[in-house]
Amino acid sequence: MARAAELREAAFNEKVVQARAQNDMEMEALHIQKLEQSKEFQESWDNHEVKLRESAIADMEALNEVHNRQLQEAHEQIEATLTNVFKPSKALLDARNVFDKFIKQKKYTEAHNIRVEIEKMEQKEQTKHF
């Protein structure tokens, strides 16, 4: 009977060893599968990040082009507006004031003479401006 118990215990121990070996193999297979899945996920994530970066760079370049075009258009519009604005000199403004005073004082001859000077000054300044 002792022999039968020993045989049963030996058979049980053999089954335990086999079960542990099977469990170890399954655990190793699961570990390898987990590593492969992690590697695949990492590669997929890296590819996704690369695509996002490329997309962001393309979007930034497109926005930069739009911004530069809008900036150029605004600059051209300002240049067109500024070149048409004529700002008379202080001497010309003073001459106009003197002209107005002569008219109020009914000094028409002096007003006419200064008006001729004013027209010459305006023409000279506008030519210089444009």
N, C-alpha and C. Protein backbone atom coordinates (compact mmCIF):
# COMPACT_ATOMS: atom_id res chain seq x y z
N MET A 1 0.80 -1.17 0.00
CA MET A 1 0.00 0.00 0.00
C MET A 1 0.86 1.26 0.00
N ALA A 2 1.94 1.19 0.66
CA ALA A 2 2.86 2.31 0.68
C ALA A 2 3.38 2.56 -0.72
N ARG A 3 3.58 1.47 -1.44
CA ARG A 3 4.07 1.61 -2.81
C ARG A 3 3.02 2.30 -3.67
N ALA A 4 1.77 1.97 -3.52
CA ALA A 4 0.69 2.57 -4.28
C ALA A 4 0.60 4.05 -3.96
N ALA A 5 0.81 4.39 -2.68
CA ALA A 5 0.76 5.80 -2.28
C ALA A 5 1.92 6.55 -2.89
N GLU A 6 3.07 5.89 -2.92
CA GLU A 6 4.24 6.52 -3.54
C GLU A 6 4.02 6.73 -5.02
N LEU A 7 3.44 5.72 -5.67
CA LEU A 7 3.18 5.84 -7.10
C LEU A 7 2.17 6.95 -7.39
N ARG A 8 1.13 7.04 -6.56
CA ARG A 8 0.14 8.10 -6.71
C ARG A 8 0.76 9.47 -6.51
N GLU A 9 1.61 9.54 -5.48
CA GLU A 9 2.28 10.81 -5.19
C GLU A 9 3.25 11.17 -6.33
N ALA A 10 3.96 10.18 -6.86
CA ALA A 10 4.87 10.42 -7.97
C ALA A 10 4.10 10.86 -9.21
N ALA A 11 2.95 10.19 -9.47
CA ALA A 11 2.11 10.57 -10.61
C ALA A 11 1.57 11.98 -10.41
N PHE A 12 1.16 12.28 -9.19
CA PHE A 12 0.65 13.62 -8.88
C PHE A 12 1.74 14.66 -9.08
N ASN A 13 2.93 14.39 -8.56
CA ASN A 13 4.06 15.31 -8.71
C ASN A 13 4.42 15.51 -10.18
N GLU A 14 4.34 14.40 -10.96
CA GLU A 14 4.63 14.49 -12.40
C GLU A 14 3.58 15.38 -13.08
N LYS A 15 2.32 15.24 -12.72
CA LYS A 15 1.26 16.08 -13.28
C LYS A 15 1.45 17.53 -12.89
N VAL A 16 1.88 17.74 -11.65
CA VAL A 16 2.13 19.11 -11.19
C VAL A 16 3.27 19.73 -11.99
N VAL A 17 4.34 18.94 -12.18
CA VAL A 17 5.49 19.43 -12.95
C VAL A 17 5.06 19.72 -14.38
N GLN A 18 4.27 18.83 -14.98
CA GLN A 18 3.80 19.03 -16.34
C GLN A 18 2.88 20.26 -16.42
N ALA A 19 2.00 20.39 -15.43
CA ALA A 19 1.09 21.54 -15.40
C ALA A 19 1.88 22.84 -15.26
N ARG A 20 2.90 22.83 -14.39
CA ARG A 20 3.73 24.02 -14.23
C ARG A 20 4.50 24.33 -15.52
N ALA A 21 5.02 23.28 -16.16
CA ALA A 21 5.75 23.47 -17.41
C ALA A 21 4.80 24.02 -18.48
N GLN A 22 3.59 23.46 -18.56
CA GLN A 22 2.58 23.96 -19.51
C GLN A 22 2.22 25.41 -19.19
N ASN A 23 2.05 25.69 -17.91
CA ASN A 23 1.71 27.05 -17.47
C ASN A 23 2.85 28.02 -17.82
N ASP A 24 4.10 27.58 -17.58
CA ASP A 24 5.25 28.42 -17.91
C ASP A 24 5.32 28.70 -19.40
N MET A 25 5.05 27.66 -20.23
CA MET A 25 5.07 27.86 -21.68
C MET A 25 3.96 28.84 -22.11
N GLU A 26 2.78 28.65 -21.53
CA GLU A 26 1.67 29.56 -21.87
C GLU A 26 1.97 30.99 -21.42
N MET A 27 2.57 31.14 -20.25
CA MET A 27 2.92 32.46 -19.74
C MET A 27 3.97 33.11 -20.64
N GLU A 28 4.95 32.30 -21.08
CA GLU A 28 5.99 32.80 -21.98
C GLU A 28 5.37 33.23 -23.30
N ALA A 29 4.43 32.39 -23.83
CA ALA A 29 3.75 32.74 -25.08
C ALA A 29 2.95 34.03 -24.91
N LEU A 30 2.25 34.17 -23.79
CA LEU A 30 1.48 35.39 -23.52
C LEU A 30 2.40 36.61 -23.40
N HIS A 31 3.55 36.39 -22.75
CA HIS A 31 4.53 37.48 -22.59
C HIS A 31 5.05 37.92 -23.96
N ILE A 32 5.38 36.95 -24.81
CA ILE A 32 5.86 37.26 -26.17
C ILE A 32 4.77 37.97 -26.96
N GLN A 33 3.53 37.48 -26.83
CA GLN A 33 2.41 38.11 -27.53
C GLN A 33 2.22 39.56 -27.04
N LYS A 34 2.34 39.76 -25.74
CA LYS A 34 2.21 41.10 -25.17
C LYS A 34 3.31 42.02 -25.71
N LEU A 35 4.54 41.51 -25.76
CA LEU A 35 5.65 42.31 -26.30
C LEU A 35 5.42 42.67 -27.76
N GLU A 36 4.93 41.68 -28.55
CA GLU A 36 4.66 41.94 -29.96
C GLU A 36 3.56 42.99 -30.13
N GLN A 37 2.50 42.86 -29.31
CA GLN A 37 1.41 43.84 -29.37
C GLN A 37 1.91 45.23 -28.96
N SER A 38 2.74 45.28 -27.93
CA SER A 38 3.30 46.56 -27.50
C SER A 38 4.16 47.17 -28.60
N LYS A 39 4.96 46.34 -29.25
CA LYS A 39 5.81 46.81 -30.34
C LYS A 39 4.95 47.32 -31.50
N GLU A 40 3.93 46.57 -31.87
CA GLU A 40 3.02 46.98 -32.94
C GLU A 40 2.33 48.29 -32.59
N PHE A 41 1.86 48.39 -31.34
CA PHE A 41 1.21 49.63 -30.90
C PHE A 41 2.18 50.80 -30.95
N GLN A 42 3.40 50.58 -30.48
CA GLN A 42 4.40 51.66 -30.48
C GLN A 42 4.69 52.12 -31.91
N GLU A 43 4.85 51.15 -32.83
CA GLU A 43 5.09 51.50 -34.23
C GLU A 43 3.91 52.27 -34.81
N SER A 44 2.71 51.79 -34.50
CA SER A 44 1.50 52.46 -34.98
C SER A 44 1.42 53.88 -34.41
N TRP A 45 1.71 54.03 -33.13
CA TRP A 45 1.68 55.34 -32.49
C TRP A 45 2.75 56.27 -33.09
N ASP A 46 3.94 55.73 -33.30
CA ASP A 46 5.00 56.53 -33.91
C ASP A 46 4.60 57.00 -35.30
N ASN A 47 4.02 56.08 -36.10
CA ASN A 47 3.55 56.47 -37.44
C ASN A 47 2.47 57.54 -37.35
N HIS A 48 1.58 57.40 -36.39
CA HIS A 48 0.52 58.38 -36.19
C HIS A 48 1.12 59.74 -35.83
N GLU A 49 2.10 59.75 -34.93
CA GLU A 49 2.76 61.02 -34.55
C GLU A 49 3.45 61.66 -35.75
N VAL A 50 4.11 60.85 -36.56
CA VAL A 50 4.80 61.37 -37.75
C VAL A 50 3.78 62.01 -38.69
N LYS A 51 2.66 61.33 -38.91
CA LYS A 51 1.62 61.87 -39.78
C LYS A 51 1.06 63.17 -39.20
N LEU A 52 0.85 63.20 -37.89
CA LEU A 52 0.35 64.42 -37.26
C LEU A 52 1.34 65.57 -37.42
N ARG A 53 2.63 65.29 -37.22
CA ARG A 53 3.65 66.32 -37.39
C ARG A 53 3.67 66.83 -38.82
N GLU A 54 3.65 65.90 -39.77
CA GLU A 54 3.66 66.29 -41.18
C GLU A 54 2.43 67.13 -41.52
N SER A 55 1.29 66.72 -41.00
CA SER A 55 0.05 67.47 -41.23
C SER A 55 0.14 68.86 -40.60
N ALA A 56 0.67 68.92 -39.39
CA ALA A 56 0.81 70.22 -38.71
C ALA A 56 1.78 71.13 -39.46
N ILE A 57 2.87 70.55 -39.95
CA ILE A 57 3.84 71.34 -40.71
C ILE A 57 3.20 71.86 -41.99
N ALA A 58 2.46 71.00 -42.68
CA ALA A 58 1.79 71.42 -43.92
C ALA A 58 0.77 72.51 -43.63
N ASP A 59 0.01 72.36 -42.54
CA ASP A 59 -0.96 73.38 -42.16
C ASP A 59 -0.28 74.69 -41.82
N MET A 60 0.82 74.63 -41.09
CA MET A 60 1.55 75.84 -40.73
C MET A 60 2.10 76.53 -41.97
N GLU A 61 2.63 75.76 -42.91
CA GLU A 61 3.15 76.34 -44.14
C GLU A 61 2.03 77.01 -44.93
N ALA A 62 0.87 76.35 -45.01
CA ALA A 62 -0.28 76.93 -45.73
C ALA A 62 -0.73 78.22 -45.04
N LEU A 63 -0.82 78.18 -43.71
CA LEU A 63 -1.22 79.38 -42.98
C LEU A 63 -0.19 80.49 -43.13
N ASN A 64 1.07 80.12 -43.14
CA ASN A 64 2.13 81.10 -43.31
C ASN A 64 2.03 81.76 -44.69
N GLU A 65 1.75 80.96 -45.72
CA GLU A 65 1.57 81.51 -47.06
C GLU A 65 0.39 82.46 -47.11
N VAL A 66 -0.73 82.06 -46.50
CA VAL A 66 -1.91 82.92 -46.47
C VAL A 66 -1.59 84.22 -45.72
N HIS A 67 -0.93 84.08 -44.59
CA HIS A 67 -0.56 85.26 -43.79
C HIS A 67 0.34 86.19 -44.59
N ASN A 68 1.35 85.63 -45.25
CA ASN A 68 2.27 86.46 -46.04
C ASN A 68 1.54 87.15 -47.18
N ARG A 69 0.62 86.43 -47.83
CA ARG A 69 -0.15 87.03 -48.92
C ARG A 69 -1.02 88.16 -48.39
N GLN A 70 -1.71 87.93 -47.27
CA GLN A 70 -2.54 88.97 -46.68
C GLN A 70 -1.71 90.16 -46.23
N LEU A 71 -0.54 89.88 -45.68
CA LEU A 71 0.35 90.95 -45.24
C LEU A 71 0.81 91.77 -46.44
N GLN A 72 1.16 91.10 -47.52
CA GLN A 72 1.59 91.80 -48.74
C GLN A 72 0.45 92.65 -49.30
N GLU A 73 -0.76 92.09 -49.32
CA GLU A 73 -1.91 92.84 -49.82
C GLU A 73 -2.18 94.07 -48.95
N ALA A 74 -2.10 93.89 -47.63
CA ALA A 74 -2.31 95.02 -46.72
C ALA A 74 -1.22 96.07 -46.91
N HIS A 75 0.01 95.60 -47.10
CA HIS A 75 1.13 96.53 -47.31
C HIS A 75 0.91 97.32 -48.61
N GLU A 76 0.50 96.63 -49.67
CA GLU A 76 0.24 97.31 -50.93
C GLU A 76 -0.90 98.31 -50.80
N GLN A 77 -1.94 97.92 -50.06
CA GLN A 77 -3.09 98.81 -49.86
C GLN A 77 -2.66 100.05 -49.08
N ILE A 78 -1.86 99.87 -48.06
CA ILE A 78 -1.38 101.01 -47.27
C ILE A 78 -0.49 101.90 -48.12
N GLU A 79 0.39 101.28 -48.89
CA GLU A 79 1.26 102.07 -49.77
C GLU A 79 0.43 102.89 -50.76
N ALA A 80 -0.60 102.26 -51.33
CA ALA A 80 -1.45 102.97 -52.29
C ALA A 80 -2.18 104.13 -51.60
N THR A 81 -2.61 103.90 -50.37
CA THR A 81 -3.33 104.95 -49.63
C THR A 81 -2.38 106.06 -49.23
N LEU A 82 -1.21 105.69 -48.74
CA LEU A 82 -0.27 106.71 -48.26
C LEU A 82 0.29 107.56 -49.39
N THR A 83 0.52 106.97 -50.53
CA THR A 83 1.10 107.75 -51.62
C THR A 83 0.10 108.77 -52.16
N ASN A 84 -1.18 108.57 -51.94
CA ASN A 84 -2.18 109.51 -52.41
C ASN A 84 -2.44 110.64 -51.42
N VAL A 85 -1.97 110.49 -50.21
CA VAL A 85 -2.19 111.51 -49.19
C VAL A 85 -1.06 112.53 -49.29
N PHE A 86 -1.47 113.78 -49.50
CA PHE A 86 -0.49 114.85 -49.62
C PHE A 86 -0.55 115.69 -48.34
N LYS A 87 0.59 115.89 -47.72
CA LYS A 87 0.65 116.69 -46.51
C LYS A 87 1.46 117.95 -46.82
N PRO A 88 0.78 119.10 -46.82
CA PRO A 88 1.49 120.35 -47.16
C PRO A 88 2.50 120.74 -46.07
N SER A 89 3.52 121.49 -46.51
CA SER A 89 4.55 121.94 -45.57
C SER A 89 4.02 123.08 -44.72
N LYS A 90 4.77 123.38 -43.67
CA LYS A 90 4.40 124.48 -42.77
C LYS A 90 4.41 125.81 -43.53
N ALA A 91 5.39 125.99 -44.41
CA ALA A 91 5.46 127.23 -45.19
C ALA A 91 4.23 127.40 -46.07
N LEU A 92 3.76 126.31 -46.68
CA LEU A 92 2.57 126.38 -47.52
C LEU A 92 1.34 126.70 -46.68
N LEU A 93 1.22 126.08 -45.52
CA LEU A 93 0.08 126.37 -44.64
C LEU A 93 0.10 127.82 -44.17
N ASP A 94 1.28 128.31 -43.84
CA ASP A 94 1.40 129.71 -43.42
C ASP A 94 1.02 130.65 -44.56
N ALA A 95 1.45 130.31 -45.77
CA ALA A 95 1.10 131.14 -46.94
C ALA A 95 -0.40 131.15 -47.16
N ARG A 96 -1.05 130.03 -46.97
CA ARG A 96 -2.52 129.98 -47.10
C ARG A 96 -3.19 130.86 -46.06
N ASN A 97 -2.67 130.82 -44.83
CA ASN A 97 -3.23 131.68 -43.77
C ASN A 97 -3.06 133.16 -44.14
N VAL A 98 -1.90 133.52 -44.65
CA VAL A 98 -1.67 134.91 -45.06
C VAL A 98 -2.64 135.27 -46.18
N PHE A 99 -2.83 134.36 -47.13
CA PHE A 99 -3.79 134.58 -48.23
C PHE A 99 -5.18 134.86 -47.67
N ASP A 100 -5.63 134.02 -46.72
CA ASP A 100 -6.95 134.22 -46.11
C ASP A 100 -7.05 135.57 -45.41
N LYS A 101 -5.98 135.99 -44.73
CA LYS A 101 -5.99 137.29 -44.04
C LYS A 101 -6.07 138.44 -45.04
N PHE A 102 -5.35 138.33 -46.15
CA PHE A 102 -5.42 139.37 -47.19
C PHE A 102 -6.82 139.47 -47.77
N ILE A 103 -7.47 138.32 -47.97
CA ILE A 103 -8.84 138.34 -48.51
C ILE A 103 -9.77 139.01 -47.51
N LYS A 104 -9.65 138.69 -46.22
CA LYS A 104 -10.50 139.31 -45.19
C LYS A 104 -10.25 140.81 -45.09
N GLN A 105 -9.02 141.21 -45.34
CA GLN A 105 -8.67 142.64 -45.28
C GLN A 105 -8.95 143.34 -46.61
N LYS A 106 -9.45 142.60 -47.56
CA LYS A 106 -9.78 143.11 -48.89
C LYS A 106 -8.56 143.67 -49.61
N LYS A 107 -7.42 143.01 -49.40
CA LYS A 107 -6.19 143.34 -50.11
C LYS A 107 -6.02 142.31 -51.22
N TYR A 108 -6.78 142.54 -52.29
CA TYR A 108 -6.88 141.54 -53.34
C TYR A 108 -5.61 141.43 -54.18
N THR A 109 -4.89 142.51 -54.39
CA THR A 109 -3.67 142.46 -55.17
C THR A 109 -2.64 141.61 -54.44
N GLU A 110 -2.45 141.86 -53.13
CA GLU A 110 -1.51 141.07 -52.34
C GLU A 110 -1.96 139.60 -52.27
N ALA A 111 -3.28 139.41 -52.16
CA ALA A 111 -3.84 138.06 -52.11
C ALA A 111 -3.55 137.33 -53.42
N HIS A 112 -3.70 138.03 -54.53
CA HIS A 112 -3.42 137.40 -55.83
C HIS A 112 -1.94 137.01 -55.93
N ASN A 113 -1.07 137.92 -55.52
CA ASN A 113 0.38 137.64 -55.59
C ASN A 113 0.73 136.41 -54.72
N ILE A 114 0.19 136.37 -53.52
CA ILE A 114 0.52 135.23 -52.64
C ILE A 114 -0.14 133.95 -53.16
N ARG A 115 -1.30 134.11 -53.83
CA ARG A 115 -1.96 132.93 -54.40
C ARG A 115 -1.09 132.30 -55.49
N VAL A 116 -0.45 133.12 -56.28
CA VAL A 116 0.47 132.61 -57.32
C VAL A 116 1.61 131.85 -56.65
N GLU A 117 2.15 132.38 -55.58
CA GLU A 117 3.23 131.71 -54.84
C GLU A 117 2.74 130.39 -54.24
N ILE A 118 1.52 130.43 -53.70
CA ILE A 118 0.93 129.21 -53.10
C ILE A 118 0.80 128.13 -54.16
N GLU A 119 0.32 128.46 -55.33
CA GLU A 119 0.14 127.47 -56.39
C GLU A 119 1.49 126.88 -56.82
N LYS A 120 2.51 127.74 -56.91
CA LYS A 120 3.84 127.24 -57.25
C LYS A 120 4.36 126.29 -56.16
N MET A 121 4.17 126.71 -54.90
CA MET A 121 4.62 125.86 -53.78
C MET A 121 3.88 124.52 -53.78
N GLU A 122 2.56 124.55 -53.99
CA GLU A 122 1.77 123.31 -54.02
C GLU A 122 2.24 122.39 -55.13
N GLN A 123 2.46 122.95 -56.31
CA GLN A 123 2.90 122.13 -57.44
C GLN A 123 4.27 121.53 -57.16
N LYS A 124 5.16 122.33 -56.59
CA LYS A 124 6.50 121.85 -56.28
C LYS A 124 6.45 120.73 -55.24
N GLU A 125 5.65 120.91 -54.17
CA GLU A 125 5.57 119.91 -53.10
C GLU A 125 4.87 118.64 -53.58
N GLN A 126 3.86 118.77 -54.40
CA GLN A 126 3.16 117.58 -54.92
C GLN A 126 4.07 116.80 -55.86
N THR A 127 4.85 117.52 -56.65
CA THR A 127 5.80 116.85 -57.53
C THR A 127 6.84 116.09 -56.69
N LYS A 128 7.30 116.74 -55.65
CA LYS A 128 8.27 116.09 -54.76
C LYS A 128 7.65 114.89 -54.04
N HIS A 129 6.38 115.02 -53.66
CA HIS A 129 5.69 113.96 -52.94
C HIS A 129 5.48 112.73 -53.81
N PHE A 130 5.08 112.93 -55.03
CA PHE A 130 4.80 111.79 -55.92
C PHE A 130 6.04 111.42 -56.67
